[in-house]
Amino acid sequence: MAYQSRARKRVHAIRRGPDGSAFQKCESCGQTVAIALFDMHECGFKKNKKKKLKTQCGNRNVERQGIQDQPRSAFHLFMDEFVKTCTDGNEIEIDKKGCEKWKNMSREERQPFVLQADKLNSAYVKLLLEEENEIQRVDDEADSAEVGKLDENYEDYEMCFYDSESSGGFGLFLSETYDTFGH
């Protein structure tokens, strides 16, 4: 029994430039491009083309909510006032002293800061509720009068009459197209 000679796989060598490199410099743009991809290189379009976002921004003049409008805790209000009164240069030491002073304060001493925080929080909640009321409500349901106009395959199920005794549970359509089979 004679063995047939095996066909050898042909391996194509990587295309190389005249200097033996696998990259070639584009003459028009000066960019180095792989020789295998050189025929797909489009140097003129890349520099002049701007990327466009797929989404569009609706209103670019959106008012950003400031930090001062957001709710704050009584401790935060105390620390703001404490930092203004302290003139030590080290911020870490000021924070440590402020925390210790807050811990050692009684409820009566904390009360002005708590009232101020409650006032700011209630104003913030009021603004949120006003903003919520200004947002237009969108009805997810389709308007019943418009459904038949927009969908050609829509069947008006209100015209159906279901009588389980006479039709065996199948609905009868009460319209002009109902054929009584010669009766």
C-alpha atoms as a PDB file:
ATOM      1  CA  MET A   1       0.000   0.000   0.000  1.00  0.00           C
ATOM      2  CA  ALA A   2       1.440   3.282  -1.069  1.00  0.00           C
ATOM      3  CA  TYR A   3       1.015   6.406   1.001  1.00  0.00           C
ATOM      4  CA  GLN A   4      -0.043   9.492  -0.841  1.00  0.00           C
ATOM      5  CA  SER A   5       2.038  12.563  -0.337  1.00  0.00           C
ATOM      6  CA  ARG A   6       0.438  15.061   1.994  1.00  0.00           C
ATOM      7  CA  ALA A   7      -0.431  18.426   0.632  1.00  0.00           C
ATOM      8  CA  ARG A   8       1.488  21.107   2.448  1.00  0.00           C
ATOM      9  CA  LYS A   9      -0.247  24.134   3.847  1.00  0.00           C
ATOM     10  CA  ARG A  10       0.763  27.292   2.164  1.00  0.00           C
ATOM     11  CA  VAL A  11       1.686  30.073   4.523  1.00  0.00           C
ATOM     12  CA  HIS A  12       1.713  33.537   3.080  1.00  0.00           C
ATOM     13  CA  ALA A  13       4.461  35.760   4.331  1.00  0.00           C
ATOM     14  CA  ILE A  14       3.612  39.158   5.740  1.00  0.00           C
ATOM     15  CA  ARG A  15       3.893  41.848   3.139  1.00  0.00           C
ATOM     16  CA  ARG A  16       6.877  44.035   3.793  1.00  0.00           C
ATOM     17  CA  GLY A  17       8.002  47.402   2.612  1.00  0.00           C
ATOM     18  CA  PRO A  18      11.198  47.980   0.621  1.00  0.00           C
ATOM     19  CA  ASP A  19      13.150  48.411   3.848  1.00  0.00           C
ATOM     20  CA  GLY A  20      11.758  45.159   5.336  1.00  0.00           C
ATOM     21  CA  SER A  21       9.362  46.878   7.725  1.00  0.00           C
ATOM     22  CA  ALA A  22       5.718  45.804   8.096  1.00  0.00           C
ATOM     23  CA  PHE A  23       4.687  49.473   8.238  1.00  0.00           C
ATOM     24  CA  GLN A  24       4.695  52.137   5.585  1.00  0.00           C
ATOM     25  CA  LYS A  25       4.397  55.896   5.889  1.00  0.00           C
ATOM     26  CA  CYS A  26       1.487  57.522   4.076  1.00  0.00           C
ATOM     27  CA  GLU A  27       2.724  60.176   1.653  1.00  0.00           C
ATOM     28  CA  SER A  28      -0.286  62.485   2.035  1.00  0.00           C
ATOM     29  CA  CYS A  29      -0.779  62.545   5.816  1.00  0.00           C
ATOM     30  CA  GLY A  30       2.562  61.235   7.070  1.00  0.00           C
ATOM     31  CA  GLN A  31       0.947  58.639   9.336  1.00  0.00           C
ATOM     32  CA  THR A  32       2.538  55.202   9.754  1.00  0.00           C
ATOM     33  CA  VAL A  33       0.126  52.464   8.644  1.00  0.00           C
ATOM     34  CA  ALA A  34       0.450  48.669   8.568  1.00  0.00           C
ATOM     35  CA  ILE A  35       1.100  47.500   5.008  1.00  0.00           C
ATOM     36  CA  ALA A  36      -1.641  44.871   5.241  1.00  0.00           C
ATOM     37  CA  LEU A  37      -4.140  47.651   5.996  1.00  0.00           C
ATOM     38  CA  PHE A  38      -2.639  50.326   3.756  1.00  0.00           C
ATOM     39  CA  ASP A  39      -5.235  49.880   1.010  1.00  0.00           C
ATOM     40  CA  MET A  40      -8.000  50.656   3.565  1.00  0.00           C
ATOM     41  CA  HIS A  41      -6.259  53.770   4.923  1.00  0.00           C
ATOM     42  CA  GLU A  42      -8.281  56.976   4.499  1.00  0.00           C
ATOM     43  CA  CYS A  43      -6.115  59.801   5.680  1.00  0.00           C
ATOM     44  CA  GLY A  44      -8.128  62.719   4.298  1.00  0.00           C
ATOM     45  CA  PHE A  45     -11.360  61.861   6.110  1.00  0.00           C
ATOM     46  CA  LYS A  46      -9.999  61.188   9.596  1.00  0.00           C
ATOM     47  CA  LYS A  47      -8.650  64.661  10.277  1.00  0.00           C
ATOM     48  CA  ASN A  48     -11.589  66.632   8.898  1.00  0.00           C
ATOM     49  CA  LYS A  49     -14.333  64.406  10.248  1.00  0.00           C
ATOM     50  CA  LYS A  50     -15.833  65.314  13.605  1.00  0.00           C
ATOM     51  CA  LYS A  51     -17.491  62.698  15.727  1.00  0.00           C
ATOM     52  CA  LYS A  52     -21.187  63.294  16.218  1.00  0.00           C
ATOM     53  CA  LEU A  53     -22.990  62.074  19.262  1.00  0.00           C
ATOM     54  CA  LYS A  54     -25.907  59.782  18.599  1.00  0.00           C
ATOM     55  CA  THR A  55     -27.989  61.461  21.258  1.00  0.00           C
ATOM     56  CA  GLN A  56     -29.100  65.035  21.087  1.00  0.00           C
ATOM     57  CA  CYS A  57     -29.258  67.270  24.086  1.00  0.00           C
ATOM     58  CA  GLY A  58     -32.619  68.950  24.406  1.00  0.00           C
ATOM     59  CA  ASN A  59     -32.035  72.112  26.392  1.00  0.00           C
ATOM     60  CA  ARG A  60     -28.449  73.171  26.819  1.00  0.00           C
ATOM     61  CA  ASN A  61     -29.319  75.974  29.239  1.00  0.00           C
ATOM     62  CA  VAL A  62     -30.143  73.666  32.113  1.00  0.00           C
ATOM     63  CA  GLU A  63     -29.939  75.344  35.478  1.00  0.00           C
ATOM     64  CA  ARG A  64     -27.708  73.352  37.759  1.00  0.00           C
ATOM     65  CA  GLN A  65     -28.805  73.082  41.323  1.00  0.00           C
ATOM     66  CA  GLY A  66     -26.334  74.751  43.638  1.00  0.00           C
ATOM     67  CA  ILE A  67     -24.853  73.071  46.669  1.00  0.00           C
ATOM     68  CA  GLN A  68     -26.325  75.772  48.906  1.00  0.00           C
ATOM     69  CA  ASP A  69     -29.837  74.724  47.811  1.00  0.00           C
ATOM     70  CA  GLN A  70     -29.384  71.101  48.852  1.00  0.00           C
ATOM     71  CA  PRO A  71     -30.353  69.903  52.329  1.00  0.00           C
ATOM     72  CA  ARG A  72     -27.691  70.007  55.014  1.00  0.00           C
ATOM     73  CA  SER A  73     -27.370  68.492  58.428  1.00  0.00           C
ATOM     74  CA  ALA A  74     -27.156  70.504  61.616  1.00  0.00           C
ATOM     75  CA  PHE A  75     -23.564  69.333  62.076  1.00  0.00           C
ATOM     76  CA  HIS A  76     -22.595  70.641  58.651  1.00  0.00           C
ATOM     77  CA  LEU A  77     -24.080  74.051  59.423  1.00  0.00           C
ATOM     78  CA  PHE A  78     -22.227  74.089  62.758  1.00  0.00           C
ATOM     79  CA  MET A  79     -18.933  73.205  61.061  1.00  0.00           C
ATOM     80  CA  ASP A  80     -19.371  75.993  58.493  1.00  0.00           C
ATOM     81  CA  GLU A  81     -19.779  78.514  61.303  1.00  0.00           C
ATOM     82  CA  PHE A  82     -16.968  76.971  63.374  1.00  0.00           C
ATOM     83  CA  VAL A  83     -14.487  77.149  60.478  1.00  0.00           C
ATOM     84  CA  LYS A  84     -15.293  80.859  60.029  1.00  0.00           C
ATOM     85  CA  THR A  85     -14.576  81.584  63.696  1.00  0.00           C
ATOM     86  CA  CYS A  86     -11.358  79.534  63.909  1.00  0.00           C
ATOM     87  CA  THR A  87      -8.244  81.095  62.427  1.00  0.00           C
ATOM     88  CA  ASP A  88      -5.805  78.224  62.968  1.00  0.00           C
ATOM     89  CA  GLY A  89      -3.913  77.415  59.778  1.00  0.00           C
ATOM     90  CA  ASN A  90      -4.304  73.626  59.890  1.00  0.00           C
ATOM     91  CA  GLU A  91      -7.622  72.393  58.440  1.00  0.00           C
ATOM     92  CA  ILE A  92      -7.318  68.937  59.989  1.00  0.00           C
ATOM     93  CA  GLU A  93      -6.910  70.398  63.470  1.00  0.00           C
ATOM     94  CA  ILE A  94      -9.900  72.686  62.918  1.00  0.00           C
ATOM     95  CA  ASP A  95     -12.028  69.671  61.899  1.00  0.00           C
ATOM     96  CA  LYS A  96     -10.913  67.692  64.950  1.00  0.00           C
ATOM     97  CA  LYS A  97     -11.693  70.594  67.286  1.00  0.00           C
ATOM     98  CA  GLY A  98     -15.075  71.118  65.632  1.00  0.00           C
ATOM     99  CA  CYS A  99     -16.017  67.444  66.010  1.00  0.00           C
ATOM    100  CA  GLU A 100     -15.011  67.428  69.664  1.00  0.00           C
ATOM    101  CA  LYS A 101     -16.967  70.612  70.335  1.00  0.00           C
ATOM    102  CA  TRP A 102     -20.067  69.177  68.579  1.00  0.00           C
ATOM    103  CA  LYS A 103     -19.861  65.973  70.650  1.00  0.00           C
ATOM    104  CA  ASN A 104     -19.623  67.966  73.889  1.00  0.00           C
ATOM    105  CA  MET A 105     -22.547  70.294  73.056  1.00  0.00           C
ATOM    106  CA  SER A 106     -25.892  69.755  74.759  1.00  0.00           C
ATOM    107  CA  ARG A 107     -29.208  69.533  72.888  1.00  0.00           C
ATOM    108  CA  GLU A 108     -30.049  73.117  73.806  1.00  0.00           C
ATOM    109  CA  GLU A 109     -26.773  74.345  72.299  1.00  0.00           C
ATOM    110  CA  ARG A 110     -27.386  72.342  69.117  1.00  0.00           C
ATOM    111  CA  GLN A 111     -30.992  73.549  68.771  1.00  0.00           C
ATOM    112  CA  PRO A 112     -30.297  76.679  66.614  1.00  0.00           C
ATOM    113  CA  PHE A 113     -28.383  74.578  64.075  1.00  0.00           C
ATOM    114  CA  VAL A 114     -31.102  71.909  64.031  1.00  0.00           C
ATOM    115  CA  LEU A 115     -33.794  74.553  63.403  1.00  0.00           C
ATOM    116  CA  GLN A 116     -31.752  76.121  60.610  1.00  0.00           C
ATOM    117  CA  ALA A 117     -31.205  72.696  59.003  1.00  0.00           C
ATOM    118  CA  ASP A 118     -34.940  71.903  59.226  1.00  0.00           C
ATOM    119  CA  LYS A 119     -35.752  75.236  57.599  1.00  0.00           C
ATOM    120  CA  LEU A 120     -33.330  74.566  54.710  1.00  0.00           C
ATOM    121  CA  ASN A 121     -34.589  71.001  54.272  1.00  0.00           C
ATOM    122  CA  SER A 122     -38.236  72.074  54.150  1.00  0.00           C
ATOM    123  CA  ALA A 123     -37.402  74.737  51.541  1.00  0.00           C
ATOM    124  CA  TYR A 124     -35.559  72.103  49.504  1.00  0.00           C
ATOM    125  CA  VAL A 125     -38.505  69.685  49.670  1.00  0.00           C
ATOM    126  CA  LYS A 126     -40.856  72.497  48.647  1.00  0.00           C
ATOM    127  CA  LEU A 127     -38.692  73.234  45.582  1.00  0.00           C
ATOM    128  CA  LEU A 128     -38.658  69.551  44.659  1.00  0.00           C
ATOM    129  CA  LEU A 129     -42.445  69.330  44.894  1.00  0.00           C
ATOM    130  CA  GLU A 130     -42.869  72.457  42.739  1.00  0.00           C
ATOM    131  CA  GLU A 131     -40.486  71.004  40.168  1.00  0.00           C
ATOM    132  CA  GLU A 132     -42.373  67.707  40.203  1.00  0.00           C
ATOM    133  CA  ASN A 133     -45.681  69.492  39.606  1.00  0.00           C
ATOM    134  CA  GLU A 134     -44.212  71.397  36.644  1.00  0.00           C
ATOM    135  CA  ILE A 135     -43.180  68.200  34.869  1.00  0.00           C
ATOM    136  CA  GLN A 136     -45.693  67.213  32.227  1.00  0.00           C
ATOM    137  CA  ARG A 137     -47.504  63.986  32.857  1.00  0.00           C
ATOM    138  CA  VAL A 138     -47.279  61.480  30.014  1.00  0.00           C
ATOM    139  CA  ASP A 139     -50.025  58.934  29.563  1.00  0.00           C
ATOM    140  CA  ASP A 140     -48.596  55.552  28.601  1.00  0.00           C
ATOM    141  CA  GLU A 141     -51.944  54.335  27.358  1.00  0.00           C
ATOM    142  CA  ALA A 142     -52.888  54.980  23.764  1.00  0.00           C
ATOM    143  CA  ASP A 143     -55.923  57.147  23.199  1.00  0.00           C
ATOM    144  CA  SER A 144     -58.770  54.822  22.284  1.00  0.00           C
ATOM    145  CA  ALA A 145     -60.020  57.050  19.464  1.00  0.00           C
ATOM    146  CA  GLU A 146     -56.587  57.109  17.848  1.00  0.00           C
ATOM    147  CA  VAL A 147     -55.816  53.379  18.053  1.00  0.00           C
ATOM    148  CA  GLY A 148     -57.967  52.307  15.126  1.00  0.00           C
ATOM    149  CA  LYS A 149     -56.571  55.066  12.929  1.00  0.00           C
ATOM    150  CA  LEU A 150     -52.938  54.165  13.514  1.00  0.00           C
ATOM    151  CA  ASP A 151     -53.035  50.360  13.476  1.00  0.00           C
ATOM    152  CA  GLU A 152     -54.451  48.662  10.376  1.00  0.00           C
ATOM    153  CA  ASN A 153     -54.668  45.265  12.088  1.00  0.00           C
ATOM    154  CA  TYR A 154     -56.611  46.617  15.074  1.00  0.00           C
ATOM    155  CA  GLU A 155     -59.924  44.871  15.678  1.00  0.00           C
ATOM    156  CA  ASP A 156     -62.615  46.615  17.632  1.00  0.00           C
ATOM    157  CA  TYR A 157     -63.395  44.107  20.365  1.00  0.00           C
ATOM    158  CA  GLU A 158     -66.354  46.134  21.593  1.00  0.00           C
ATOM    159  CA  MET A 159     -68.269  44.909  18.550  1.00  0.00           C
ATOM    160  CA  CYS A 160     -67.840  41.306  19.690  1.00  0.00           C
ATOM    161  CA  PHE A 161     -70.702  39.491  21.339  1.00  0.00           C
ATOM    162  CA  TYR A 162     -69.781  36.489  23.431  1.00  0.00           C
ATOM    163  CA  ASP A 163     -72.563  34.081  24.256  1.00  0.00           C
ATOM    164  CA  SER A 164     -71.222  30.875  25.718  1.00  0.00           C
ATOM    165  CA  GLU A 165     -74.501  28.920  25.431  1.00  0.00           C
ATOM    166  CA  SER A 166     -75.303  29.507  21.777  1.00  0.00           C
ATOM    167  CA  SER A 167     -71.812  29.744  20.296  1.00  0.00           C
ATOM    168  CA  GLY A 168     -69.961  27.194  22.371  1.00  0.00           C
ATOM    169  CA  GLY A 169     -67.719  29.877  23.867  1.00  0.00           C
ATOM    170  CA  PHE A 170     -66.733  31.407  20.525  1.00  0.00           C
ATOM    171  CA  GLY A 171     -67.366  35.084  19.964  1.00  0.00           C
ATOM    172  CA  LEU A 172     -69.782  36.250  17.308  1.00  0.00           C
ATOM    173  CA  PHE A 173     -69.008  39.439  15.469  1.00  0.00           C
ATOM    174  CA  LEU A 174     -72.087  41.610  15.206  1.00  0.00           C
ATOM    175  CA  SER A 175     -71.354  43.577  12.096  1.00  0.00           C
ATOM    176  CA  GLU A 176     -72.661  43.915   8.560  1.00  0.00           C
ATOM    177  CA  THR A 177     -70.140  41.372   7.273  1.00  0.00           C
ATOM    178  CA  TYR A 178     -71.636  38.546   9.350  1.00  0.00           C
ATOM    179  CA  ASP A 179     -72.955  35.893   7.001  1.00  0.00           C
ATOM    180  CA  THR A 180     -75.829  33.731   8.187  1.00  0.00           C
ATOM    181  CA  PHE A 181     -74.942  30.983   5.666  1.00  0.00           C
ATOM    182  CA  GLY A 182     -77.969  31.403   3.437  1.00  0.00           C
ATOM    183  CA  HIS A 183     -80.654  31.912   6.058  1.00  0.00           C
END
